[in-house]
């Protein structure tokens, strides 16, 4: 390959990387293997104690009945498995705000078999 072709390829690749970074910045990233949500440089386990807030949430959640990212089972104790959430008034593991549009995570409440698809 000529050096001009290599330089053109390198420039195109760098431009593509910059566009990908721009589109990616601030977006939520789900990791189904680790049952985590990464957003704004922070990673949250998707199980544990949660608190509902009206402002300054760790992430925004939309409740849906189909095509959810996570199936959530509300529990009263031991929220130690993927998708098991216990609502608390203080000292949460993460804070959520329920929204009807532009969520970071879509959940469906279930009675059994919580977790990611």
C-alpha atoms as a PDB file:
ATOM      1  CA  UNK A   1       0.000   0.000   0.000  1.00  0.00           C
ATOM      2  CA  UNK A   2       1.131   3.496  -0.680  1.00  0.00           C
ATOM      3  CA  UNK A   3       1.668   5.958   2.133  1.00  0.00           C
ATOM      4  CA  UNK A   4      -1.162   8.161   0.788  1.00  0.00           C
ATOM      5  CA  UNK A   5      -3.638   5.275   1.116  1.00  0.00           C
ATOM      6  CA  UNK A   6      -2.405   4.489   4.625  1.00  0.00           C
ATOM      7  CA  UNK A   7      -2.709   8.145   5.646  1.00  0.00           C
ATOM      8  CA  UNK A   8      -6.243   8.339   4.184  1.00  0.00           C
ATOM      9  CA  UNK A   9      -7.237   5.170   6.019  1.00  0.00           C
ATOM     10  CA  UNK A  10      -5.750   6.496   9.280  1.00  0.00           C
ATOM     11  CA  UNK A  11      -7.583   9.817   8.910  1.00  0.00           C
ATOM     12  CA  UNK A  12     -10.884   8.053   8.168  1.00  0.00           C
ATOM     13  CA  UNK A  13     -10.378   5.737  11.150  1.00  0.00           C
ATOM     14  CA  UNK A  14      -9.590   8.631  13.517  1.00  0.00           C
ATOM     15  CA  UNK A  15     -12.642  10.545  12.270  1.00  0.00           C
ATOM     16  CA  UNK A  16     -14.791   7.476  12.840  1.00  0.00           C
ATOM     17  CA  UNK A  17     -13.402   7.088  16.377  1.00  0.00           C
ATOM     18  CA  UNK A  18     -14.106  10.735  17.183  1.00  0.00           C
ATOM     19  CA  UNK A  19     -17.699  10.405  15.943  1.00  0.00           C
ATOM     20  CA  UNK A  20     -18.178   7.199  17.951  1.00  0.00           C
ATOM     21  CA  UNK A  21     -16.821   8.868  21.080  1.00  0.00           C
ATOM     22  CA  UNK A  22     -19.116  11.846  20.615  1.00  0.00           C
ATOM     23  CA  UNK A  23     -22.191   9.660  20.118  1.00  0.00           C
ATOM     24  CA  UNK A  24     -21.166   7.479  23.044  1.00  0.00           C
ATOM     25  CA  UNK A  25     -20.479  10.218  25.611  1.00  0.00           C
ATOM     26  CA  UNK A  26     -23.122  10.262  28.343  1.00  0.00           C
ATOM     27  CA  UNK A  27     -24.980   7.218  27.011  1.00  0.00           C
ATOM     28  CA  UNK A  28     -25.836   4.329  29.278  1.00  0.00           C
ATOM     29  CA  UNK A  29     -24.044   1.036  28.610  1.00  0.00           C
ATOM     30  CA  UNK A  30     -25.498  -2.241  29.871  1.00  0.00           C
ATOM     31  CA  UNK A  31     -23.306  -5.220  30.676  1.00  0.00           C
ATOM     32  CA  UNK A  32     -25.493  -8.300  30.893  1.00  0.00           C
ATOM     33  CA  UNK A  33     -22.648 -10.566  32.061  1.00  0.00           C
ATOM     34  CA  UNK A  34     -21.906  -8.414  35.107  1.00  0.00           C
ATOM     35  CA  UNK A  35     -25.482  -7.085  35.496  1.00  0.00           C
ATOM     36  CA  UNK A  36     -24.267  -3.490  35.511  1.00  0.00           C
ATOM     37  CA  UNK A  37     -25.175  -0.135  34.021  1.00  0.00           C
ATOM     38  CA  UNK A  38     -22.381   2.312  33.222  1.00  0.00           C
ATOM     39  CA  UNK A  39     -23.275   5.955  32.751  1.00  0.00           C
ATOM     40  CA  UNK A  40     -21.227   9.137  32.928  1.00  0.00           C
ATOM     41  CA  UNK A  41     -18.121   7.238  34.022  1.00  0.00           C
ATOM     42  CA  UNK A  42     -19.850   5.442  36.913  1.00  0.00           C
ATOM     43  CA  UNK A  43     -20.882   1.799  37.030  1.00  0.00           C
ATOM     44  CA  UNK A  44     -23.871   0.608  39.041  1.00  0.00           C
ATOM     45  CA  UNK A  45     -24.790  -2.948  39.962  1.00  0.00           C
ATOM     46  CA  UNK A  46     -28.380  -3.598  38.906  1.00  0.00           C
ATOM     47  CA  UNK A  47     -29.344  -5.168  42.204  1.00  0.00           C
ATOM     48  CA  UNK A  48     -29.485  -3.800  45.694  1.00  0.00           C
ATOM     49  CA  UNK A  49     -31.178  -1.023  47.610  1.00  0.00           C
ATOM     50  CA  UNK A  50     -32.689   1.816  45.602  1.00  0.00           C
ATOM     51  CA  UNK A  51     -34.287   5.149  46.428  1.00  0.00           C
ATOM     52  CA  UNK A  52     -36.788   6.959  44.194  1.00  0.00           C
ATOM     53  CA  UNK A  53     -35.901  10.639  43.760  1.00  0.00           C
ATOM     54  CA  UNK A  54     -37.346  13.521  41.766  1.00  0.00           C
ATOM     55  CA  UNK A  55     -34.011  15.134  40.958  1.00  0.00           C
ATOM     56  CA  UNK A  56     -30.340  14.202  40.684  1.00  0.00           C
ATOM     57  CA  UNK A  57     -30.813  10.454  40.075  1.00  0.00           C
ATOM     58  CA  UNK A  58     -27.956   8.102  39.344  1.00  0.00           C
ATOM     59  CA  UNK A  59     -29.973   6.996  36.319  1.00  0.00           C
ATOM     60  CA  UNK A  60     -33.451   7.406  34.820  1.00  0.00           C
ATOM     61  CA  UNK A  61     -35.799   4.427  34.573  1.00  0.00           C
ATOM     62  CA  UNK A  62     -38.868   3.813  32.428  1.00  0.00           C
ATOM     63  CA  UNK A  63     -41.306   1.094  33.482  1.00  0.00           C
ATOM     64  CA  UNK A  64     -42.459  -0.956  30.495  1.00  0.00           C
ATOM     65  CA  UNK A  65     -44.406  -4.175  29.998  1.00  0.00           C
ATOM     66  CA  UNK A  66     -42.393  -5.472  27.042  1.00  0.00           C
ATOM     67  CA  UNK A  67     -38.940  -5.062  25.505  1.00  0.00           C
ATOM     68  CA  UNK A  68     -37.318  -4.279  28.851  1.00  0.00           C
ATOM     69  CA  UNK A  69     -33.575  -4.158  29.472  1.00  0.00           C
ATOM     70  CA  UNK A  70     -34.012  -5.654  32.946  1.00  0.00           C
ATOM     71  CA  UNK A  71     -36.691  -7.628  34.764  1.00  0.00           C
ATOM     72  CA  UNK A  72     -36.949  -6.330  38.334  1.00  0.00           C
ATOM     73  CA  UNK A  73     -38.356  -8.177  41.316  1.00  0.00           C
ATOM     74  CA  UNK A  74     -39.098  -6.032  44.362  1.00  0.00           C
ATOM     75  CA  UNK A  75     -37.907  -7.762  47.512  1.00  0.00           C
ATOM     76  CA  UNK A  76     -38.093  -6.868  51.203  1.00  0.00           C
ATOM     77  CA  UNK A  77     -34.631  -8.217  52.032  1.00  0.00           C
ATOM     78  CA  UNK A  78     -31.449  -9.636  50.515  1.00  0.00           C
ATOM     79  CA  UNK A  79     -31.393  -7.872  47.116  1.00  0.00           C
ATOM     80  CA  UNK A  80     -28.191  -9.679  46.168  1.00  0.00           C
ATOM     81  CA  UNK A  81     -29.025 -11.146  42.749  1.00  0.00           C
ATOM     82  CA  UNK A  82     -29.347  -9.466  39.366  1.00  0.00           C
ATOM     83  CA  UNK A  83     -32.680  -7.653  39.110  1.00  0.00           C
ATOM     84  CA  UNK A  84     -33.631  -7.890  42.788  1.00  0.00           C
ATOM     85  CA  UNK A  85     -34.340  -4.396  44.125  1.00  0.00           C
ATOM     86  CA  UNK A  86     -35.262  -3.312  47.650  1.00  0.00           C
ATOM     87  CA  UNK A  87     -36.769   0.170  48.062  1.00  0.00           C
ATOM     88  CA  UNK A  88     -35.319   2.202  50.935  1.00  0.00           C
ATOM     89  CA  UNK A  89     -35.744   5.739  52.227  1.00  0.00           C
ATOM     90  CA  UNK A  90     -32.082   6.334  52.977  1.00  0.00           C
ATOM     91  CA  UNK A  91     -28.607   4.955  52.293  1.00  0.00           C
ATOM     92  CA  UNK A  92     -29.396   3.472  48.855  1.00  0.00           C
ATOM     93  CA  UNK A  93     -26.937   1.707  46.580  1.00  0.00           C
ATOM     94  CA  UNK A  94     -28.371   3.781  43.718  1.00  0.00           C
ATOM     95  CA  UNK A  95     -31.007   6.477  43.159  1.00  0.00           C
ATOM     96  CA  UNK A  96     -33.546   6.306  40.326  1.00  0.00           C
ATOM     97  CA  UNK A  97     -35.991   8.718  38.791  1.00  0.00           C
ATOM     98  CA  UNK A  98     -38.982   7.213  37.002  1.00  0.00           C
ATOM     99  CA  UNK A  99     -39.572   8.874  33.636  1.00  0.00           C
ATOM    100  CA  UNK A 100     -41.857   8.288  30.670  1.00  0.00           C
ATOM    101  CA  UNK A 101     -39.323   9.216  27.977  1.00  0.00           C
ATOM    102  CA  UNK A 102     -35.575   9.218  27.385  1.00  0.00           C
ATOM    103  CA  UNK A 103     -34.666   6.632  30.055  1.00  0.00           C
ATOM    104  CA  UNK A 104     -31.216   5.239  30.715  1.00  0.00           C
ATOM    105  CA  UNK A 105     -32.782   1.861  31.550  1.00  0.00           C
ATOM    106  CA  UNK A 106     -36.120   0.198  30.744  1.00  0.00           C
ATOM    107  CA  UNK A 107     -37.428  -2.196  33.394  1.00  0.00           C
ATOM    108  CA  UNK A 108     -40.395  -4.520  33.779  1.00  0.00           C
ATOM    109  CA  UNK A 109     -41.542  -5.498  37.262  1.00  0.00           C
ATOM    110  CA  UNK A 110     -41.928  -9.265  37.685  1.00  0.00           C
ATOM    111  CA  UNK A 111     -42.912 -11.614  40.507  1.00  0.00           C
ATOM    112  CA  UNK A 112     -40.239 -14.178  39.666  1.00  0.00           C
ATOM    113  CA  UNK A 113     -37.178 -14.762  37.464  1.00  0.00           C
ATOM    114  CA  UNK A 114     -35.588 -11.279  37.627  1.00  0.00           C
ATOM    115  CA  UNK A 115     -32.528 -10.375  35.584  1.00  0.00           C
ATOM    116  CA  UNK A 116     -31.383  -9.523  32.091  1.00  0.00           C
ATOM    117  CA  UNK A 117     -32.378 -11.265  28.885  1.00  0.00           C
END
